[in-house]
Full PDB file with SEQRES, HELIX, SHEET, SSBOND, CRYST1, ORIGX, SCALE, CONECT and MASTER records, all heavy atoms in Angstrom:
SEQRES   1 A   44  THR GLY LYS GLN GLU HIS LYS ALA GLN ALA ALA PHE ASN          
SEQRES   2 A   44  HIS THR GLU ASP TYR VAL MET PHE PRO ASP GLU ALA THR          
SEQRES   3 A   44  THR SER LEU CYS CYS TRP ASN SER ARG ASN ALA SER ARG          
SEQRES   4 A   44  LYS GLN LEU LEU SER                                          
SHEET    1 AA1 3 ALA A  11  PHE A  12  0                                        
SHEET    2 AA1 3 TYR A  18  ASP A  23 -1                                        
SHEET    3 AA1 3 SER A  28  ASN A  33 -1                                        
CRYST1    1.000    1.000    1.000  90.00  90.00  90.00 P 1           1          
ORIGX1      1.000000  0.000000  0.000000        0.00000                         
ORIGX2      0.000000  1.000000  0.000000        0.00000                         
ORIGX3      0.000000  0.000000  1.000000        0.00000                         
SCALE1      1.000000  0.000000  0.000000        0.00000                         
SCALE2      0.000000  1.000000  0.000000        0.00000                         
SCALE3      0.000000  0.000000  1.000000        0.00000                         
ATOM      1  N   THR A   1      14.176  68.211  79.300  1.00  0.00           N  
ATOM      2  CA  THR A   1      13.928  69.071  80.456  1.00  0.00           C  
ATOM      3  C   THR A   1      12.872  70.171  80.171  1.00  0.00           C  
ATOM      4  O   THR A   1      12.780  71.145  80.850  1.00  0.00           O  
ATOM      5  CB  THR A   1      15.222  69.779  80.941  1.00  0.00           C  
ATOM      6  OG1 THR A   1      15.728  70.560  79.818  1.00  0.00           O  
ATOM      7  CG2 THR A   1      16.258  68.802  81.340  1.00  0.00           C  
ATOM      8  N   GLY A   2      12.161  69.988  79.046  1.00  0.00           N  
ATOM      9  CA  GLY A   2      11.144  70.992  78.668  1.00  0.00           C  
ATOM     10  C   GLY A   2      11.812  72.128  77.915  1.00  0.00           C  
ATOM     11  O   GLY A   2      12.221  71.932  76.793  1.00  0.00           O  
ATOM     12  N   LYS A   3      11.926  73.248  78.569  1.00  0.00           N  
ATOM     13  CA  LYS A   3      12.426  74.443  77.807  1.00  0.00           C  
ATOM     14  C   LYS A   3      13.938  74.448  77.905  1.00  0.00           C  
ATOM     15  O   LYS A   3      14.584  74.011  78.824  1.00  0.00           O  
ATOM     16  CB  LYS A   3      11.870  75.697  78.460  1.00  0.00           C  
ATOM     17  CG  LYS A   3      10.363  75.801  78.357  1.00  0.00           C  
ATOM     18  CD  LYS A   3       9.868  77.201  78.519  1.00  0.00           C  
ATOM     19  CE  LYS A   3       8.373  77.254  78.213  1.00  0.00           C  
ATOM     20  NZ  LYS A   3       7.861  78.671  78.322  1.00  0.00           N  
ATOM     21  N   GLN A   4      14.521  75.047  76.811  1.00  0.00           N  
ATOM     22  CA  GLN A   4      16.018  75.098  76.679  1.00  0.00           C  
ATOM     23  C   GLN A   4      16.497  76.442  77.286  1.00  0.00           C  
ATOM     24  O   GLN A   4      15.796  77.402  77.342  1.00  0.00           O  
ATOM     25  CB  GLN A   4      16.347  75.060  75.181  1.00  0.00           C  
ATOM     26  CG  GLN A   4      15.894  73.907  74.449  1.00  0.00           C  
ATOM     27  CD  GLN A   4      15.933  74.116  72.970  1.00  0.00           C  
ATOM     28  OE1 GLN A   4      15.155  73.496  72.237  1.00  0.00           O  
ATOM     29  NE2 GLN A   4      16.790  74.951  72.518  1.00  0.00           N  
ATOM     30  N   GLU A   5      17.807  76.359  77.610  1.00  0.00           N  
ATOM     31  CA  GLU A   5      18.474  77.554  78.090  1.00  0.00           C  
ATOM     32  C   GLU A   5      19.096  78.309  76.909  1.00  0.00           C  
ATOM     33  O   GLU A   5      19.046  79.524  76.874  1.00  0.00           O  
ATOM     34  CB  GLU A   5      19.521  77.183  79.114  1.00  0.00           C  
ATOM     35  CG  GLU A   5      20.277  78.433  79.667  1.00  0.00           C  
ATOM     36  CD  GLU A   5      21.363  78.001  80.684  1.00  0.00           C  
ATOM     37  OE1 GLU A   5      21.485  76.836  81.076  1.00  0.00           O  
ATOM     38  OE2 GLU A   5      22.184  78.900  81.004  1.00  0.00           O  
ATOM     39  N   HIS A   6      19.624  77.532  75.991  1.00  0.00           N  
ATOM     40  CA  HIS A   6      20.314  78.077  74.825  1.00  0.00           C  
ATOM     41  C   HIS A   6      19.529  77.789  73.558  1.00  0.00           C  
ATOM     42  O   HIS A   6      18.732  76.883  73.479  1.00  0.00           O  
ATOM     43  CB  HIS A   6      21.714  77.534  74.676  1.00  0.00           C  
ATOM     44  CG  HIS A   6      22.508  77.610  75.905  1.00  0.00           C  
ATOM     45  ND1 HIS A   6      22.972  78.839  76.397  1.00  0.00           N  
ATOM     46  CD2 HIS A   6      23.053  76.646  76.736  1.00  0.00           C  
ATOM     47  CE1 HIS A   6      23.710  78.653  77.468  1.00  0.00           C  
ATOM     48  NE2 HIS A   6      23.759  77.329  77.737  1.00  0.00           N  
ATOM     49  N   LYS A   7      19.738  78.590  72.535  1.00  0.00           N  
ATOM     50  CA  LYS A   7      19.098  78.341  71.211  1.00  0.00           C  
ATOM     51  C   LYS A   7      19.799  77.168  70.518  1.00  0.00           C  
ATOM     52  O   LYS A   7      21.002  76.973  70.643  1.00  0.00           O  
ATOM     53  CB  LYS A   7      18.952  79.542  70.413  1.00  0.00           C  
ATOM     54  CG  LYS A   7      20.327  80.082  69.814  1.00  0.00           C  
ATOM     55  CD  LYS A   7      20.054  81.211  68.810  1.00  0.00           C  
ATOM     56  CE  LYS A   7      21.307  81.554  68.077  1.00  0.00           C  
ATOM     57  NZ  LYS A   7      21.054  82.531  66.968  1.00  0.00           N  
ATOM     58  N   ALA A   8      19.005  76.416  69.737  1.00  0.00           N  
ATOM     59  CA  ALA A   8      19.632  75.323  68.998  1.00  0.00           C  
ATOM     60  C   ALA A   8      18.925  75.241  67.646  1.00  0.00           C  
ATOM     61  O   ALA A   8      17.846  75.750  67.454  1.00  0.00           O  
ATOM     62  CB  ALA A   8      19.395  73.951  69.754  1.00  0.00           C  
ATOM     63  N   GLN A   9      19.621  74.611  66.668  1.00  0.00           N  
ATOM     64  CA  GLN A   9      19.157  74.670  65.312  1.00  0.00           C  
ATOM     65  C   GLN A   9      18.533  73.350  64.894  1.00  0.00           C  
ATOM     66  O   GLN A   9      19.048  72.269  65.209  1.00  0.00           O  
ATOM     67  CB  GLN A   9      20.327  74.930  64.267  1.00  0.00           C  
ATOM     68  CG  GLN A   9      20.977  76.292  64.474  1.00  0.00           C  
ATOM     69  CD  GLN A   9      21.710  76.464  65.743  1.00  0.00           C  
ATOM     70  OE1 GLN A   9      22.382  75.482  66.228  1.00  0.00           O  
ATOM     71  NE2 GLN A   9      21.631  77.600  66.323  1.00  0.00           N  
ATOM     72  N   ALA A  10      17.395  73.404  64.181  1.00  0.00           N  
ATOM     73  CA  ALA A  10      16.842  72.248  63.523  1.00  0.00           C  
ATOM     74  C   ALA A  10      17.350  72.279  62.078  1.00  0.00           C  
ATOM     75  O   ALA A  10      17.473  73.277  61.445  1.00  0.00           O  
ATOM     76  CB  ALA A  10      15.308  72.251  63.537  1.00  0.00           C  
ATOM     77  N   ALA A  11      17.653  71.116  61.573  1.00  0.00           N  
ATOM     78  CA  ALA A  11      18.186  70.980  60.186  1.00  0.00           C  
ATOM     79  C   ALA A  11      17.598  69.796  59.455  1.00  0.00           C  
ATOM     80  O   ALA A  11      17.243  68.775  60.099  1.00  0.00           O  
ATOM     81  CB  ALA A  11      19.686  70.882  60.254  1.00  0.00           C  
ATOM     82  N   PHE A  12      17.447  69.909  58.130  1.00  0.00           N  
ATOM     83  CA  PHE A  12      17.181  68.740  57.322  1.00  0.00           C  
ATOM     84  C   PHE A  12      18.533  68.045  57.013  1.00  0.00           C  
ATOM     85  O   PHE A  12      19.561  68.710  56.984  1.00  0.00           O  
ATOM     86  CB  PHE A  12      16.629  69.224  55.966  1.00  0.00           C  
ATOM     87  CG  PHE A  12      15.183  69.688  56.025  1.00  0.00           C  
ATOM     88  CD1 PHE A  12      14.940  71.019  55.731  1.00  0.00           C  
ATOM     89  CD2 PHE A  12      14.142  68.837  56.299  1.00  0.00           C  
ATOM     90  CE1 PHE A  12      13.619  71.476  55.715  1.00  0.00           C  
ATOM     91  CE2 PHE A  12      12.845  69.306  56.319  1.00  0.00           C  
ATOM     92  CZ  PHE A  12      12.591  70.611  56.033  1.00  0.00           C  
ATOM     93  N   ASN A  13      18.517  66.754  56.766  1.00  0.00           N  
ATOM     94  CA  ASN A  13      19.721  66.107  56.219  1.00  0.00           C  
ATOM     95  C   ASN A  13      19.725  66.448  54.722  1.00  0.00           C  
ATOM     96  O   ASN A  13      18.795  67.182  54.201  1.00  0.00           O  
ATOM     97  CB  ASN A  13      19.701  64.598  56.408  1.00  0.00           C  
ATOM     98  CG  ASN A  13      18.691  63.865  55.530  1.00  0.00           C  
ATOM     99  OD1 ASN A  13      17.635  64.422  55.218  1.00  0.00           O  
ATOM    100  ND2 ASN A  13      19.005  62.729  55.069  1.00  0.00           N  
ATOM    101  N   HIS A  14      20.775  66.002  54.015  1.00  0.00           N  
ATOM    102  CA  HIS A  14      20.942  66.409  52.592  1.00  0.00           C  
ATOM    103  C   HIS A  14      19.828  66.055  51.673  1.00  0.00           C  
ATOM    104  O   HIS A  14      19.579  66.710  50.636  1.00  0.00           O  
ATOM    105  CB  HIS A  14      22.287  66.013  52.079  1.00  0.00           C  
ATOM    106  CG  HIS A  14      22.477  64.538  52.102  1.00  0.00           C  
ATOM    107  ND1 HIS A  14      22.437  63.743  53.285  1.00  0.00           N  
ATOM    108  CD2 HIS A  14      22.778  63.545  51.133  1.00  0.00           C  
ATOM    109  CE1 HIS A  14      22.632  62.538  53.014  1.00  0.00           C  
ATOM    110  NE2 HIS A  14      22.854  62.404  51.767  1.00  0.00           N  
ATOM    111  N   THR A  15      19.092  64.941  51.904  1.00  0.00           N  
ATOM    112  CA  THR A  15      17.991  64.515  51.081  1.00  0.00           C  
ATOM    113  C   THR A  15      16.644  64.955  51.597  1.00  0.00           C  
ATOM    114  O   THR A  15      15.631  64.672  50.922  1.00  0.00           O  
ATOM    115  CB  THR A  15      18.014  62.938  51.006  1.00  0.00           C  
ATOM    116  OG1 THR A  15      17.790  62.402  52.340  1.00  0.00           O  
ATOM    117  CG2 THR A  15      19.295  62.395  50.405  1.00  0.00           C  
ATOM    118  N   GLU A  16      16.622  65.597  52.742  1.00  0.00           N  
ATOM    119  CA  GLU A  16      15.369  66.040  53.399  1.00  0.00           C  
ATOM    120  C   GLU A  16      14.515  64.930  53.816  1.00  0.00           C  
ATOM    121  O   GLU A  16      13.307  65.081  54.109  1.00  0.00           O  
ATOM    122  CB  GLU A  16      14.606  67.038  52.467  1.00  0.00           C  
ATOM    123  CG  GLU A  16      15.312  68.332  52.223  1.00  0.00           C  
ATOM    124  CD  GLU A  16      14.523  69.349  51.443  1.00  0.00           C  
ATOM    125  OE1 GLU A  16      13.495  69.018  50.796  1.00  0.00           O  
ATOM    126  OE2 GLU A  16      14.987  70.483  51.397  1.00  0.00           O  
ATOM    127  N   ASP A  17      15.101  63.746  53.956  1.00  0.00           N  
ATOM    128  CA  ASP A  17      14.344  62.555  54.537  1.00  0.00           C  
ATOM    129  C   ASP A  17      14.200  62.661  56.048  1.00  0.00           C  
ATOM    130  O   ASP A  17      13.298  62.084  56.676  1.00  0.00           O  
ATOM    131  CB  ASP A  17      15.064  61.239  54.226  1.00  0.00           C  
ATOM    132  CG  ASP A  17      14.907  60.891  52.710  1.00  0.00           C  
ATOM    133  OD1 ASP A  17      13.916  61.325  52.115  1.00  0.00           O  
ATOM    134  OD2 ASP A  17      15.835  60.261  52.157  1.00  0.00           O  
ATOM    135  N   TYR A  18      15.136  63.384  56.684  1.00  0.00           N  
ATOM    136  CA  TYR A  18      15.184  63.446  58.095  1.00  0.00           C  
ATOM    137  C   TYR A  18      15.265  64.901  58.633  1.00  0.00           C  
ATOM    138  O   TYR A  18      15.838  65.749  57.960  1.00  0.00           O  
ATOM    139  CB  TYR A  18      16.366  62.637  58.728  1.00  0.00           C  
ATOM    140  CG  TYR A  18      16.360  61.137  58.348  1.00  0.00           C  
ATOM    141  CD1 TYR A  18      17.218  60.666  57.352  1.00  0.00           C  
ATOM    142  CD2 TYR A  18      15.467  60.291  58.958  1.00  0.00           C  
ATOM    143  CE1 TYR A  18      17.188  59.319  57.082  1.00  0.00           C  
ATOM    144  CE2 TYR A  18      15.462  58.957  58.653  1.00  0.00           C  
ATOM    145  CZ  TYR A  18      16.303  58.450  57.694  1.00  0.00           C  
ATOM    146  OH  TYR A  18      16.266  57.151  57.366  1.00  0.00           O  
ATOM    147  N   VAL A  19      14.742  65.057  59.824  1.00  0.00           N  
ATOM    148  CA  VAL A  19      14.866  66.320  60.592  1.00  0.00           C  
ATOM    149  C   VAL A  19      15.730  66.064  61.836  1.00  0.00           C  
ATOM    150  O   VAL A  19      15.517  65.054  62.494  1.00  0.00           O  
ATOM    151  CB  VAL A  19      13.480  66.910  60.974  1.00  0.00           C  
ATOM    152  CG1 VAL A  19      13.606  68.029  61.948  1.00  0.00           C  
ATOM    153  CG2 VAL A  19      12.714  67.339  59.701  1.00  0.00           C  
ATOM    154  N   MET A  20      16.678  66.943  62.045  1.00  0.00           N  
ATOM    155  CA  MET A  20      17.631  66.730  63.168  1.00  0.00           C  
ATOM    156  C   MET A  20      17.584  67.923  64.080  1.00  0.00           C  
ATOM    157  O   MET A  20      17.439  69.082  63.667  1.00  0.00           O  
ATOM    158  CB  MET A  20      19.063  66.585  62.582  1.00  0.00           C  
ATOM    159  CG  MET A  20      19.192  65.481  61.537  1.00  0.00           C  
ATOM    160  SD  MET A  20      20.551  65.727  60.383  1.00  0.00           S  
ATOM    161  CE  MET A  20      21.955  65.884  61.525  1.00  0.00           C  
ATOM    162  N   PHE A  21      17.785  67.604  65.386  1.00  0.00           N  
ATOM    163  CA  PHE A  21      17.729  68.702  66.375  1.00  0.00           C  
ATOM    164  C   PHE A  21      18.455  68.163  67.690  1.00  0.00           C  
ATOM    165  O   PHE A  21      18.170  67.043  68.173  1.00  0.00           O  
ATOM    166  CB  PHE A  21      16.270  68.961  66.753  1.00  0.00           C  
ATOM    167  CG  PHE A  21      16.075  70.153  67.722  1.00  0.00           C  
ATOM    168  CD1 PHE A  21      16.364  71.429  67.357  1.00  0.00           C  
ATOM    169  CD2 PHE A  21      15.543  69.936  68.972  1.00  0.00           C  
ATOM    170  CE1 PHE A  21      16.168  72.511  68.206  1.00  0.00           C  
ATOM    171  CE2 PHE A  21      15.404  70.991  69.872  1.00  0.00           C  
ATOM    172  CZ  PHE A  21      15.664  72.240  69.526  1.00  0.00           C  
ATOM    173  N   PRO A  22      19.396  68.938  68.225  1.00  0.00           N  
ATOM    174  CA  PRO A  22      20.123  68.466  69.372  1.00  0.00           C  
ATOM    175  C   PRO A  22      19.339  68.660  70.702  1.00  0.00           C  
ATOM    176  O   PRO A  22      18.753  69.746  70.920  1.00  0.00           O  
ATOM    177  CB  PRO A  22      21.415  69.322  69.370  1.00  0.00           C  
ATOM    178  CG  PRO A  22      20.985  70.597  68.651  1.00  0.00           C  
ATOM    179  CD  PRO A  22      19.923  70.225  67.692  1.00  0.00           C  
ATOM    180  N   ASP A  23      19.389  67.658  71.558  1.00  0.00           N  
ATOM    181  CA  ASP A  23      18.819  67.821  72.868  1.00  0.00           C  
ATOM    182  C   ASP A  23      19.841  68.406  73.781  1.00  0.00           C  
ATOM    183  O   ASP A  23      20.952  67.874  73.966  1.00  0.00           O  
ATOM    184  CB  ASP A  23      18.383  66.462  73.413  1.00  0.00           C  
ATOM    185  CG  ASP A  23      17.716  66.531  74.820  1.00  0.00           C  
ATOM    186  OD1 ASP A  23      18.441  66.524  75.785  1.00  0.00           O  
ATOM    187  OD2 ASP A  23      16.445  66.659  74.861  1.00  0.00           O  
ATOM    188  N   GLU A  24      19.526  69.551  74.398  1.00  0.00           N  
ATOM    189  CA  GLU A  24      20.503  70.327  75.192  1.00  0.00           C  
ATOM    190  C   GLU A  24      20.936  69.570  76.415  1.00  0.00           C  
ATOM    191  O   GLU A  24      22.176  69.545  76.717  1.00  0.00           O  
ATOM    192  CB  GLU A  24      19.876  71.685  75.596  1.00  0.00           C  
ATOM    193  CG  GLU A  24      20.775  72.567  76.293  1.00  0.00           C  
ATOM    194  CD  GLU A  24      20.115  73.949  76.608  1.00  0.00           C  
ATOM    195  OE1 GLU A  24      20.034  74.774  75.684  1.00  0.00           O  
ATOM    196  OE2 GLU A  24      19.642  74.147  77.699  1.00  0.00           O  
ATOM    197  N   ALA A  25      20.028  68.973  77.140  1.00  0.00           N  
ATOM    198  CA  ALA A  25      20.407  68.340  78.448  1.00  0.00           C  
ATOM    199  C   ALA A  25      21.277  67.122  78.307  1.00  0.00           C  
ATOM    200  O   ALA A  25      22.126  66.826  79.106  1.00  0.00           O  
ATOM    201  CB  ALA A  25      19.118  68.006  79.212  1.00  0.00           C  
ATOM    202  N   THR A  26      20.963  66.318  77.242  1.00  0.00           N  
ATOM    203  CA  THR A  26      21.694  65.005  77.112  1.00  0.00           C  
ATOM    204  C   THR A  26      22.861  65.073  76.097  1.00  0.00           C  
ATOM    205  O   THR A  26      23.540  64.107  75.912  1.00  0.00           O  
ATOM    206  CB  THR A  26      20.734  63.900  76.716  1.00  0.00           C  
ATOM    207  OG1 THR A  26      20.136  64.250  75.425  1.00  0.00           O  
ATOM    208  CG2 THR A  26      19.585  63.741  77.715  1.00  0.00           C  
ATOM    209  N   THR A  27      23.010  66.225  75.387  1.00  0.00           N  
ATOM    210  CA  THR A  27      23.960  66.396  74.306  1.00  0.00           C  
ATOM    211  C   THR A  27      23.842  65.177  73.294  1.00  0.00           C  
ATOM    212  O   THR A  27      24.854  64.643  72.898  1.00  0.00           O  
ATOM    213  CB  THR A  27      25.413  66.598  74.797  1.00  0.00           C  
ATOM    214  OG1 THR A  27      25.799  65.425  75.507  1.00  0.00           O  
ATOM    215  CG2 THR A  27      25.507  67.841  75.592  1.00  0.00           C  
ATOM    216  N   SER A  28      22.654  64.847  73.004  1.00  0.00           N  
ATOM    217  CA  SER A  28      22.392  63.804  71.986  1.00  0.00           C  
ATOM    218  C   SER A  28      21.571  64.423  70.821  1.00  0.00           C  
ATOM    219  O   SER A  28      20.914  65.473  70.991  1.00  0.00           O  
ATOM    220  CB  SER A  28      21.647  62.589  72.536  1.00  0.00           C  
ATOM    221  OG  SER A  28      20.416  63.040  73.137  1.00  0.00           O  
ATOM    222  N   LEU A  29      21.638  63.754  69.691  1.00  0.00           N  
ATOM    223  CA  LEU A  29      20.900  64.241  68.492  1.00  0.00           C  
ATOM    224  C   LEU A  29      19.606  63.466  68.349  1.00  0.00           C  
ATOM    225  O   LEU A  29      19.591  62.297  68.281  1.00  0.00           O  
ATOM    226  CB  LEU A  29      21.741  64.009  67.263  1.00  0.00           C  
ATOM    227  CG  LEU A  29      21.172  64.605  65.953  1.00  0.00           C  
ATOM    228  CD1 LEU A  29      21.278  66.090  65.967  1.00  0.00           C  
ATOM    229  CD2 LEU A  29      21.842  63.957  64.772  1.00  0.00           C  
ATOM    230  N   CYS A  30      18.507  64.279  68.384  1.00  0.00           N  
ATOM    231  CA  CYS A  30      17.205  63.684  68.059  1.00  0.00           C  
ATOM    232  C   CYS A  30      16.938  63.729  66.595  1.00  0.00           C  
ATOM    233  O   CYS A  30      17.434  64.680  65.889  1.00  0.00           O  
ATOM    234  CB  CYS A  30      16.080  64.505  68.785  1.00  0.00           C  
ATOM    235  SG  CYS A  30      16.209  64.411  70.571  1.00  0.00           S  
ATOM    236  N   CYS A  31      16.295  62.741  66.097  1.00  0.00           N  
ATOM    237  CA  CYS A  31      16.041  62.679  64.624  1.00  0.00           C  
ATOM    238  C   CYS A  31      14.623  62.141  64.340  1.00  0.00           C  
ATOM    239  O   CYS A  31      14.125  61.242  65.088  1.00  0.00           O  
ATOM    240  CB  CYS A  31      17.078  61.777  64.002  1.00  0.00           C  
ATOM    241  SG  CYS A  31      16.948  61.625  62.242  1.00  0.00           S  
ATOM    242  N   TRP A  32      14.029  62.618  63.360  1.00  0.00           N  
ATOM    243  CA  TRP A  32      12.637  62.213  62.933  1.00  0.00           C  
ATOM    244  C   TRP A  32      12.605  61.979  61.415  1.00  0.00           C  
ATOM    245  O   TRP A  32      13.326  62.630  60.669  1.00  0.00           O  
ATOM    246  CB  TRP A  32      11.557  63.305  63.247  1.00  0.00           C  
ATOM    247  CG  TRP A  32      11.444  63.672  64.692  1.00  0.00           C  
ATOM    248  CD1 TRP A  32      10.621  63.171  65.620  1.00  0.00           C  
ATOM    249  CD2 TRP A  32      12.227  64.676  65.345  1.00  0.00           C  
ATOM    250  NE1 TRP A  32      10.782  63.800  66.811  1.00  0.00           N  
ATOM    251  CE2 TRP A  32      11.779  64.760  66.692  1.00  0.00           C  
ATOM    252  CE3 TRP A  32      13.190  65.609  65.001  1.00  0.00           C  
ATOM    253  CZ2 TRP A  32      12.222  65.627  67.604  1.00  0.00           C  
ATOM    254  CZ3 TRP A  32      13.747  66.454  65.889  1.00  0.00           C  
ATOM    255  CH2 TRP A  32      13.255  66.497  67.234  1.00  0.00           C  
ATOM    256  N   ASN A  33      11.685  61.138  60.987  1.00  0.00           N  
ATOM    257  CA  ASN A  33      11.342  61.002  59.589  1.00  0.00           C  
ATOM    258  C   ASN A  33      10.623  62.350  59.249  1.00  0.00           C  
ATOM    259  O   ASN A  33       9.652  62.744  59.956  1.00  0.00           O  
ATOM    260  CB  ASN A  33      10.404  59.843  59.341  1.00  0.00           C  
ATOM    261  CG  ASN A  33       9.978  59.719  57.937  1.00  0.00           C  
ATOM    262  OD1 ASN A  33       9.323  60.626  57.343  1.00  0.00           O  
ATOM    263  ND2 ASN A  33      10.238  58.548  57.310  1.00  0.00           N  
ATOM    264  N   SER A  34      11.087  63.056  58.254  1.00  0.00           N  
ATOM    265  CA  SER A  34      10.559  64.400  57.974  1.00  0.00           C  
ATOM    266  C   SER A  34       9.060  64.382  57.577  1.00  0.00           C  
ATOM    267  O   SER A  34       8.414  65.368  57.761  1.00  0.00           O  
ATOM    268  CB  SER A  34      11.386  65.101  56.934  1.00  0.00           C  
ATOM    269  OG  SER A  34      11.309  64.352  55.713  1.00  0.00           O  
ATOM    270  N   ARG A  35       8.659  63.257  56.974  1.00  0.00           N  
ATOM    271  CA  ARG A  35       7.299  63.227  56.391  1.00  0.00           C  
ATOM    272  C   ARG A  35       6.211  62.775  57.387  1.00  0.00           C  
ATOM    273  O   ARG A  35       5.061  63.200  57.303  1.00  0.00           O  
ATOM    274  CB  ARG A  35       7.241  62.274  55.182  1.00  0.00           C  
ATOM    275  CG  ARG A  35       8.138  62.754  54.042  1.00  0.00           C  
ATOM    276  CD  ARG A  35       8.234  61.794  52.922  1.00  0.00           C  
ATOM    277  NE  ARG A  35       8.993  62.370  51.845  1.00  0.00           N  
ATOM    278  CZ  ARG A  35      10.393  62.320  51.729  1.00  0.00           C  
ATOM    279  NH1 ARG A  35      11.058  61.694  52.710  1.00  0.00           N  
ATOM    280  NH2 ARG A  35      11.026  62.900  50.769  1.00  0.00           N  
ATOM    281  N   ASN A  36       6.574  61.929  58.347  1.00  0.00           N  
ATOM    282  CA  ASN A  36       5.545  61.423  59.310  1.00  0.00           C  
ATOM    283  C   ASN A  36       5.932  61.647  60.734  1.00  0.00           C  
ATOM    284  O   ASN A  36       5.173  61.226  61.635  1.00  0.00           O  
ATOM    285  CB  ASN A  36       5.243  59.955  59.021  1.00  0.00           C  
ATOM    286  CG  ASN A  36       6.529  59.070  59.182  1.00  0.00           C  
ATOM    287  OD1 ASN A  36       7.397  59.388  59.984  1.00  0.00           O  
ATOM    288  ND2 ASN A  36       6.549  57.939  58.390  1.00  0.00           N  
ATOM    289  N   ALA A  37       7.028  62.273  61.010  1.00  0.00           N  
ATOM    290  CA  ALA A  37       7.497  62.666  62.350  1.00  0.00           C  
ATOM    291  C   ALA A  37       7.733  61.473  63.294  1.00  0.00           C  
ATOM    292  O   ALA A  37       7.796  61.634  64.511  1.00  0.00           O  
ATOM    293  CB  ALA A  37       6.446  63.613  63.026  1.00  0.00           C  
ATOM    294  N   SER A  38       7.969  60.311  62.715  1.00  0.00           N  
ATOM    295  CA  SER A  38       8.322  59.175  63.531  1.00  0.00           C  
ATOM    296  C   SER A  38       9.733  59.287  64.116  1.00  0.00           C  
ATOM    297  O   SER A  38      10.671  59.703  63.372  1.00  0.00           O  
ATOM    298  CB  SER A  38       8.239  57.831  62.755  1.00  0.00           C  
ATOM    299  OG  SER A  38       9.102  57.836  61.651  1.00  0.00           O  
ATOM    300  N   ARG A  39       9.922  59.000  65.384  1.00  0.00           N  
ATOM    301  CA  ARG A  39      11.197  59.212  66.083  1.00  0.00           C  
ATOM    302  C   ARG A  39      12.153  58.116  65.619  1.00  0.00           C  
ATOM    303  O   ARG A  39      11.838  56.974  65.516  1.00  0.00           O  
ATOM    304  CB  ARG A  39      11.044  59.125  67.590  1.00  0.00           C  
ATOM    305  CG  ARG A  39      10.416  60.385  68.225  1.00  0.00           C  
ATOM    306  CD  ARG A  39      11.421  61.533  68.324  1.00  0.00           C  
ATOM    307  NE  ARG A  39      12.614  61.207  69.093  1.00  0.00           N  
ATOM    308  CZ  ARG A  39      12.736  61.312  70.407  1.00  0.00           C  
ATOM    309  NH1 ARG A  39      11.720  61.687  71.144  1.00  0.00           N  
ATOM    310  NH2 ARG A  39      13.882  61.009  70.962  1.00  0.00           N  
ATOM    311  N   LYS A  40      13.397  58.559  65.393  1.00  0.00           N  
ATOM    312  CA  LYS A  40      14.459  57.594  65.038  1.00  0.00           C  
ATOM    313  C   LYS A  40      15.468  57.487  66.234  1.00  0.00           C  
ATOM    314  O   LYS A  40      15.307  58.151  67.233  1.00  0.00           O  
ATOM    315  CB  LYS A  40      15.198  58.124  63.747  1.00  0.00           C  
ATOM    316  CG  LYS A  40      14.274  58.195  62.567  1.00  0.00           C  
ATOM    317  CD  LYS A  40      13.746  56.857  62.201  1.00  0.00           C  
ATOM    318  CE  LYS A  40      12.751  56.966  61.070  1.00  0.00           C  
ATOM    319  NZ  LYS A  40      12.147  55.625  60.745  1.00  0.00           N  
ATOM    320  N   GLN A  41      16.452  56.673  66.001  1.00  0.00           N  
ATOM    321  CA  GLN A  41      17.417  56.371  67.119  1.00  0.00           C  
ATOM    322  C   GLN A  41      18.193  57.677  67.438  1.00  0.00           C  
ATOM    323  O   GLN A  41      18.588  58.443  66.595  1.00  0.00           O  
ATOM    324  CB  GLN A  41      18.383  55.288  66.623  1.00  0.00           C  
ATOM    325  CG  GLN A  41      19.270  54.762  67.724  1.00  0.00           C  
ATOM    326  CD  GLN A  41      20.121  53.638  67.150  1.00  0.00           C  
ATOM    327  OE1 GLN A  41      19.798  53.036  66.169  1.00  0.00           O  
ATOM    328  NE2 GLN A  41      21.230  53.326  67.939  1.00  0.00           N  
ATOM    329  N   LEU A  42      18.446  57.792  68.773  1.00  0.00           N  
ATOM    330  CA  LEU A  42      19.289  58.943  69.251  1.00  0.00           C  
ATOM    331  C   LEU A  42      20.788  58.687  68.970  1.00  0.00           C  
ATOM    332  O   LEU A  42      21.172  57.510  68.849  1.00  0.00           O  
ATOM    333  CB  LEU A  42      19.137  59.086  70.788  1.00  0.00           C  
ATOM    334  CG  LEU A  42      17.817  59.616  71.326  1.00  0.00           C  
ATOM    335  CD1 LEU A  42      17.805  59.492  72.826  1.00  0.00           C  
ATOM    336  CD2 LEU A  42      17.618  61.075  70.882  1.00  0.00           C  
ATOM    337  N   LEU A  43      21.481  59.752  68.716  1.00  0.00           N  
ATOM    338  CA  LEU A  43      22.932  59.703  68.539  1.00  0.00           C  
ATOM    339  C   LEU A  43      23.629  60.560  69.573  1.00  0.00           C  
ATOM    340  O   LEU A  43      23.360  61.712  69.738  1.00  0.00           O  
ATOM    341  CB  LEU A  43      23.289  60.247  67.126  1.00  0.00           C  
ATOM    342  CG  LEU A  43      24.799  60.351  66.811  1.00  0.00           C  
ATOM    343  CD1 LEU A  43      25.501  59.035  66.796  1.00  0.00           C  
ATOM    344  CD2 LEU A  43      25.003  61.139  65.519  1.00  0.00           C  
ATOM    345  N   SER A  44      24.481  59.957  70.383  1.00  0.00           N  
ATOM    346  CA  SER A  44      25.237  60.685  71.407  1.00  0.00           C  
ATOM    347  C   SER A  44      26.299  61.511  70.674  1.00  0.00           C  
ATOM    348  O   SER A  44      27.083  60.986  69.893  1.00  0.00           O  
ATOM    349  CB  SER A  44      25.914  59.715  72.354  1.00  0.00           C  
ATOM    350  OG  SER A  44      26.769  60.434  73.241  1.00  0.00           O  
TER     351      SER A  44                                                      
MASTER        0    0    0    0    3    0    0    6  350    1    0    4          
END                                                                             
């Protein structure tokens, strides 16, 4: 939805291979490869 209403946290996984961030509107988890920013599968 573009801009968020609430603040949310971005986090590395424990090996720093991935970057994680929750999508506010869909309550799903977005994930990327930390090195090349390629999108990974969403997690509800």
